[in-house]
Amino acid sequence: AGCESVKMFKELNAHELLCGKMKIECPKCNATFLREETPKHDCIISLKAVINEMAAKLMVFEQAMFFVPDIGKSLNQIWENLSLHCLIGWKVIYNEYYDHV
């Protein structure tokens, strides 16, 4: 749960600067976490999680290419020039073979 502290409006800004339940962003790795978790934060672990997530998305992308063999070669050409950060938010539309009727 979030912060349950009750403050006057005029005290809110000062409280938010110190509150352990506030989400903050690491200036080195851009990970977000609660301020109270700062002592436990490790950029290497956070970045490994990002890499693992990207690898999973890459696997989904490669599987999608397999299911569309007619354009596989042109997708390979696109893939060679594609940055991995572009894969964030991609979703597979078809998870089985798709063919024209």
N, C-alpha and C. Protein backbone atom coordinates (compact mmCIF):
# COMPACT_ATOMS: atom_id res chain seq x y z
N ALA A 1 0.84 -1.18 0.00
CA ALA A 1 0.00 0.00 0.00
C ALA A 1 0.88 1.24 0.00
N GLY A 2 0.30 2.33 -0.38
CA GLY A 2 1.02 3.59 -0.42
C GLY A 2 1.13 4.23 0.96
N CYS A 3 1.55 5.46 0.99
CA CYS A 3 1.72 6.20 2.23
C CYS A 3 0.35 6.47 2.86
N GLU A 4 0.27 6.24 4.14
CA GLU A 4 -0.98 6.47 4.86
C GLU A 4 -0.88 7.67 5.79
N SER A 5 0.17 8.44 5.64
CA SER A 5 0.39 9.61 6.49
C SER A 5 -0.63 10.69 6.14
N VAL A 6 -1.16 11.34 7.15
CA VAL A 6 -2.11 12.44 6.96
C VAL A 6 -1.37 13.74 7.27
N LYS A 7 -1.31 14.61 6.26
CA LYS A 7 -0.57 15.87 6.40
C LYS A 7 -1.44 17.03 5.97
N MET A 8 -1.11 18.19 6.46
CA MET A 8 -1.73 19.42 5.99
C MET A 8 -1.18 19.69 4.59
N PHE A 9 -1.96 20.38 3.76
CA PHE A 9 -1.54 20.66 2.40
C PHE A 9 -0.20 21.38 2.36
N LYS A 10 -0.01 22.33 3.28
CA LYS A 10 1.24 23.10 3.29
C LYS A 10 2.45 22.24 3.66
N GLU A 11 2.23 21.06 4.25
CA GLU A 11 3.31 20.16 4.62
C GLU A 11 3.57 19.08 3.57
N LEU A 12 2.72 19.02 2.56
CA LEU A 12 2.76 17.93 1.58
C LEU A 12 4.07 17.88 0.81
N ASN A 13 4.54 19.01 0.28
CA ASN A 13 5.78 19.01 -0.49
C ASN A 13 6.97 18.52 0.33
N ALA A 14 7.08 19.00 1.56
CA ALA A 14 8.19 18.58 2.42
C ALA A 14 8.09 17.09 2.72
N HIS A 15 6.87 16.59 2.94
CA HIS A 15 6.68 15.17 3.22
C HIS A 15 7.08 14.32 2.01
N GLU A 16 6.68 14.74 0.81
CA GLU A 16 6.97 13.95 -0.39
C GLU A 16 8.48 13.84 -0.65
N LEU A 17 9.25 14.82 -0.21
CA LEU A 17 10.70 14.76 -0.38
C LEU A 17 11.36 13.68 0.46
N LEU A 18 10.69 13.27 1.54
CA LEU A 18 11.27 12.29 2.46
C LEU A 18 10.50 10.98 2.55
N CYS A 19 9.28 10.96 2.06
CA CYS A 19 8.41 9.80 2.24
C CYS A 19 8.98 8.56 1.54
N GLY A 20 9.08 7.46 2.27
CA GLY A 20 9.60 6.21 1.74
C GLY A 20 8.68 5.54 0.75
N LYS A 21 7.41 5.93 0.72
CA LYS A 21 6.43 5.30 -0.18
C LYS A 21 6.35 6.00 -1.54
N MET A 22 7.12 7.06 -1.73
CA MET A 22 7.13 7.77 -3.01
C MET A 22 7.95 6.98 -4.02
N LYS A 23 7.45 6.90 -5.25
CA LYS A 23 8.22 6.26 -6.31
C LYS A 23 9.26 7.26 -6.80
N ILE A 24 10.48 6.76 -6.96
CA ILE A 24 11.56 7.58 -7.49
C ILE A 24 12.22 6.84 -8.64
N GLU A 25 13.01 7.57 -9.42
CA GLU A 25 13.71 6.98 -10.56
C GLU A 25 15.21 7.09 -10.33
N CYS A 26 15.91 5.99 -10.55
CA CYS A 26 17.36 6.00 -10.42
C CYS A 26 17.96 6.84 -11.56
N PRO A 27 18.80 7.79 -11.25
CA PRO A 27 19.40 8.63 -12.30
C PRO A 27 20.41 7.88 -13.17
N LYS A 28 20.87 6.72 -12.71
CA LYS A 28 21.86 5.96 -13.48
C LYS A 28 21.23 4.96 -14.45
N CYS A 29 20.20 4.22 -13.98
CA CYS A 29 19.64 3.15 -14.81
C CYS A 29 18.17 3.36 -15.16
N ASN A 30 17.56 4.42 -14.66
CA ASN A 30 16.15 4.78 -14.91
C ASN A 30 15.14 3.80 -14.34
N ALA A 31 15.58 2.92 -13.45
CA ALA A 31 14.64 2.02 -12.78
C ALA A 31 13.79 2.83 -11.81
N THR A 32 12.53 2.44 -11.64
CA THR A 32 11.67 3.11 -10.65
C THR A 32 11.42 2.15 -9.49
N PHE A 33 11.41 2.72 -8.30
CA PHE A 33 11.20 1.95 -7.08
C PHE A 33 10.80 2.89 -5.96
N LEU A 34 10.36 2.34 -4.83
CA LEU A 34 9.99 3.17 -3.69
C LEU A 34 11.25 3.73 -3.04
N ARG A 35 11.18 4.94 -2.56
CA ARG A 35 12.33 5.59 -1.93
C ARG A 35 12.90 4.72 -0.80
N GLU A 36 12.04 4.04 -0.06
CA GLU A 36 12.51 3.21 1.05
C GLU A 36 13.33 2.00 0.56
N GLU A 37 13.26 1.68 -0.72
CA GLU A 37 14.02 0.57 -1.29
C GLU A 37 15.38 1.02 -1.83
N THR A 38 15.70 2.29 -1.70
CA THR A 38 16.95 2.83 -2.24
C THR A 38 18.18 2.07 -1.75
N PRO A 39 18.29 1.74 -0.48
CA PRO A 39 19.50 1.02 -0.03
C PRO A 39 19.65 -0.35 -0.69
N LYS A 40 18.54 -0.97 -1.10
CA LYS A 40 18.60 -2.30 -1.71
C LYS A 40 18.74 -2.24 -3.23
N HIS A 41 18.58 -1.05 -3.83
CA HIS A 41 18.60 -0.94 -5.28
C HIS A 41 19.99 -1.23 -5.84
N ASP A 42 20.01 -2.02 -6.92
CA ASP A 42 21.25 -2.37 -7.61
C ASP A 42 21.02 -2.19 -9.10
N CYS A 43 21.73 -1.25 -9.72
CA CYS A 43 21.54 -0.96 -11.15
C CYS A 43 21.80 -2.20 -12.01
N ILE A 44 22.79 -2.99 -11.65
CA ILE A 44 23.12 -4.18 -12.44
C ILE A 44 21.93 -5.14 -12.47
N ILE A 45 21.33 -5.38 -11.33
CA ILE A 45 20.17 -6.28 -11.27
C ILE A 45 19.01 -5.71 -12.07
N SER A 46 18.78 -4.41 -11.96
CA SER A 46 17.69 -3.77 -12.71
C SER A 46 17.92 -3.87 -14.20
N LEU A 47 19.15 -3.62 -14.64
CA LEU A 47 19.46 -3.69 -16.07
C LEU A 47 19.41 -5.12 -16.59
N LYS A 48 19.78 -6.10 -15.77
CA LYS A 48 19.65 -7.51 -16.18
C LYS A 48 18.18 -7.86 -16.41
N ALA A 49 17.30 -7.33 -15.57
CA ALA A 49 15.86 -7.57 -15.74
C ALA A 49 15.37 -6.98 -17.05
N VAL A 50 15.86 -5.79 -17.40
CA VAL A 50 15.49 -5.15 -18.67
C VAL A 50 15.98 -6.01 -19.84
N ILE A 51 17.21 -6.50 -19.76
CA ILE A 51 17.76 -7.34 -20.82
C ILE A 51 16.95 -8.62 -20.97
N ASN A 52 16.58 -9.24 -19.85
CA ASN A 52 15.77 -10.47 -19.90
C ASN A 52 14.41 -10.21 -20.54
N GLU A 53 13.81 -9.08 -20.21
CA GLU A 53 12.52 -8.73 -20.81
C GLU A 53 12.66 -8.52 -22.32
N MET A 54 13.73 -7.85 -22.72
CA MET A 54 13.96 -7.63 -24.15
C MET A 54 14.23 -8.94 -24.88
N ALA A 55 14.95 -9.86 -24.24
CA ALA A 55 15.22 -11.16 -24.84
C ALA A 55 13.93 -11.94 -25.05
N ALA A 56 13.01 -11.86 -24.09
CA ALA A 56 11.71 -12.53 -24.23
C ALA A 56 10.92 -11.93 -25.39
N LYS A 57 10.97 -10.61 -25.52
CA LYS A 57 10.27 -9.97 -26.64
C LYS A 57 10.91 -10.32 -27.97
N LEU A 58 12.22 -10.47 -27.98
CA LEU A 58 12.92 -10.87 -29.19
C LEU A 58 12.49 -12.28 -29.60
N MET A 59 12.35 -13.17 -28.63
CA MET A 59 11.91 -14.53 -28.93
C MET A 59 10.51 -14.52 -29.54
N VAL A 60 9.62 -13.71 -29.01
CA VAL A 60 8.27 -13.59 -29.55
C VAL A 60 8.33 -13.06 -30.99
N PHE A 61 9.18 -12.07 -31.21
CA PHE A 61 9.33 -11.51 -32.55
C PHE A 61 9.84 -12.57 -33.52
N GLU A 62 10.84 -13.35 -33.11
CA GLU A 62 11.39 -14.39 -33.97
C GLU A 62 10.34 -15.46 -34.27
N GLN A 63 9.51 -15.80 -33.28
CA GLN A 63 8.44 -16.77 -33.51
C GLN A 63 7.42 -16.21 -34.50
N ALA A 64 7.14 -14.92 -34.41
CA ALA A 64 6.20 -14.30 -35.34
C ALA A 64 6.76 -14.36 -36.76
N MET A 65 8.06 -14.17 -36.91
CA MET A 65 8.67 -14.27 -38.24
C MET A 65 8.54 -15.69 -38.79
N PHE A 66 8.66 -16.68 -37.93
CA PHE A 66 8.54 -18.08 -38.35
C PHE A 66 7.16 -18.37 -38.91
N PHE A 67 6.13 -17.77 -38.33
CA PHE A 67 4.76 -18.03 -38.75
C PHE A 67 4.35 -17.25 -39.99
N VAL A 68 5.22 -16.39 -40.48
CA VAL A 68 4.93 -15.62 -41.70
C VAL A 68 6.09 -15.87 -42.67
N PRO A 69 6.19 -17.09 -43.22
CA PRO A 69 7.36 -17.44 -44.02
C PRO A 69 7.49 -16.64 -45.31
N ASP A 70 6.39 -16.19 -45.91
CA ASP A 70 6.46 -15.46 -47.18
C ASP A 70 7.22 -14.15 -47.06
N ILE A 71 7.15 -13.52 -45.91
CA ILE A 71 7.85 -12.24 -45.76
C ILE A 71 9.05 -12.37 -44.82
N GLY A 72 9.40 -13.60 -44.49
CA GLY A 72 10.52 -13.83 -43.57
C GLY A 72 11.81 -13.19 -44.04
N LYS A 73 12.10 -13.27 -45.35
CA LYS A 73 13.35 -12.71 -45.85
C LYS A 73 13.36 -11.19 -45.72
N SER A 74 12.25 -10.53 -46.07
CA SER A 74 12.24 -9.07 -45.95
C SER A 74 12.26 -8.65 -44.48
N LEU A 75 11.63 -9.44 -43.61
CA LEU A 75 11.69 -9.13 -42.18
C LEU A 75 13.12 -9.28 -41.66
N ASN A 76 13.83 -10.27 -42.17
CA ASN A 76 15.23 -10.43 -41.76
C ASN A 76 16.05 -9.21 -42.14
N GLN A 77 15.78 -8.65 -43.30
CA GLN A 77 16.50 -7.45 -43.71
C GLN A 77 16.17 -6.28 -42.78
N ILE A 78 14.91 -6.16 -42.41
CA ILE A 78 14.50 -5.10 -41.48
C ILE A 78 15.13 -5.35 -40.11
N TRP A 79 15.08 -6.62 -39.68
CA TRP A 79 15.58 -7.00 -38.36
C TRP A 79 17.05 -6.63 -38.18
N GLU A 80 17.85 -6.79 -39.22
CA GLU A 80 19.27 -6.50 -39.13
C GLU A 80 19.53 -5.05 -38.76
N ASN A 81 18.62 -4.16 -39.10
CA ASN A 81 18.81 -2.73 -38.83
C ASN A 81 17.92 -2.22 -37.69
N LEU A 82 17.28 -3.12 -36.95
CA LEU A 82 16.32 -2.75 -35.91
C LEU A 82 17.00 -2.67 -34.55
N SER A 83 16.79 -1.59 -33.82
CA SER A 83 17.30 -1.47 -32.47
C SER A 83 16.39 -2.23 -31.52
N LEU A 84 16.96 -2.85 -30.49
CA LEU A 84 16.16 -3.64 -29.56
C LEU A 84 15.16 -2.80 -28.78
N HIS A 85 15.47 -1.53 -28.52
CA HIS A 85 14.53 -0.71 -27.75
C HIS A 85 13.21 -0.51 -28.50
N CYS A 86 13.21 -0.76 -29.81
CA CYS A 86 11.98 -0.63 -30.59
C CYS A 86 10.97 -1.72 -30.25
N LEU A 87 11.42 -2.80 -29.63
CA LEU A 87 10.54 -3.94 -29.36
C LEU A 87 9.65 -3.73 -28.14
N ILE A 88 9.94 -2.73 -27.33
CA ILE A 88 9.15 -2.51 -26.12
C ILE A 88 7.72 -2.20 -26.51
N GLY A 89 6.80 -2.95 -25.97
CA GLY A 89 5.38 -2.74 -26.22
C GLY A 89 4.83 -3.53 -27.40
N TRP A 90 5.67 -4.29 -28.13
CA TRP A 90 5.17 -5.08 -29.25
C TRP A 90 4.36 -6.25 -28.72
N LYS A 91 3.33 -6.61 -29.43
CA LYS A 91 2.52 -7.76 -29.06
C LYS A 91 2.32 -8.64 -30.29
N VAL A 92 2.26 -9.94 -30.08
CA VAL A 92 2.02 -10.85 -31.18
C VAL A 92 0.52 -10.88 -31.45
N ILE A 93 0.15 -10.66 -32.70
CA ILE A 93 -1.26 -10.67 -33.07
C ILE A 93 -1.71 -12.10 -33.38
N TYR A 94 -0.89 -12.83 -34.14
CA TYR A 94 -1.22 -14.21 -34.49
C TYR A 94 -0.22 -15.13 -33.82
N ASN A 95 -0.71 -16.13 -33.11
CA ASN A 95 0.21 -17.08 -32.49
C ASN A 95 0.11 -18.45 -33.16
N GLU A 96 -0.51 -18.51 -34.31
CA GLU A 96 -0.54 -19.74 -35.10
C GLU A 96 -0.42 -19.35 -36.56
N TYR A 97 -0.19 -20.33 -37.41
CA TYR A 97 0.08 -20.06 -38.82
C TYR A 97 -1.09 -19.30 -39.46
N TYR A 98 -0.74 -18.26 -40.19
CA TYR A 98 -1.74 -17.43 -40.87
C TYR A 98 -1.53 -17.57 -42.36
N ASP A 99 -2.58 -17.84 -43.11
CA ASP A 99 -2.45 -18.01 -44.53
C ASP A 99 -3.59 -17.29 -45.23
N HIS A 100 -3.36 -16.90 -46.48
CA HIS A 100 -4.41 -16.23 -47.25
C HIS A 100 -5.44 -17.26 -47.70
N VAL A 101 -6.70 -16.82 -47.80
CA VAL A 101 -7.76 -17.74 -48.21
C VAL A 101 -7.85 -17.77 -49.72
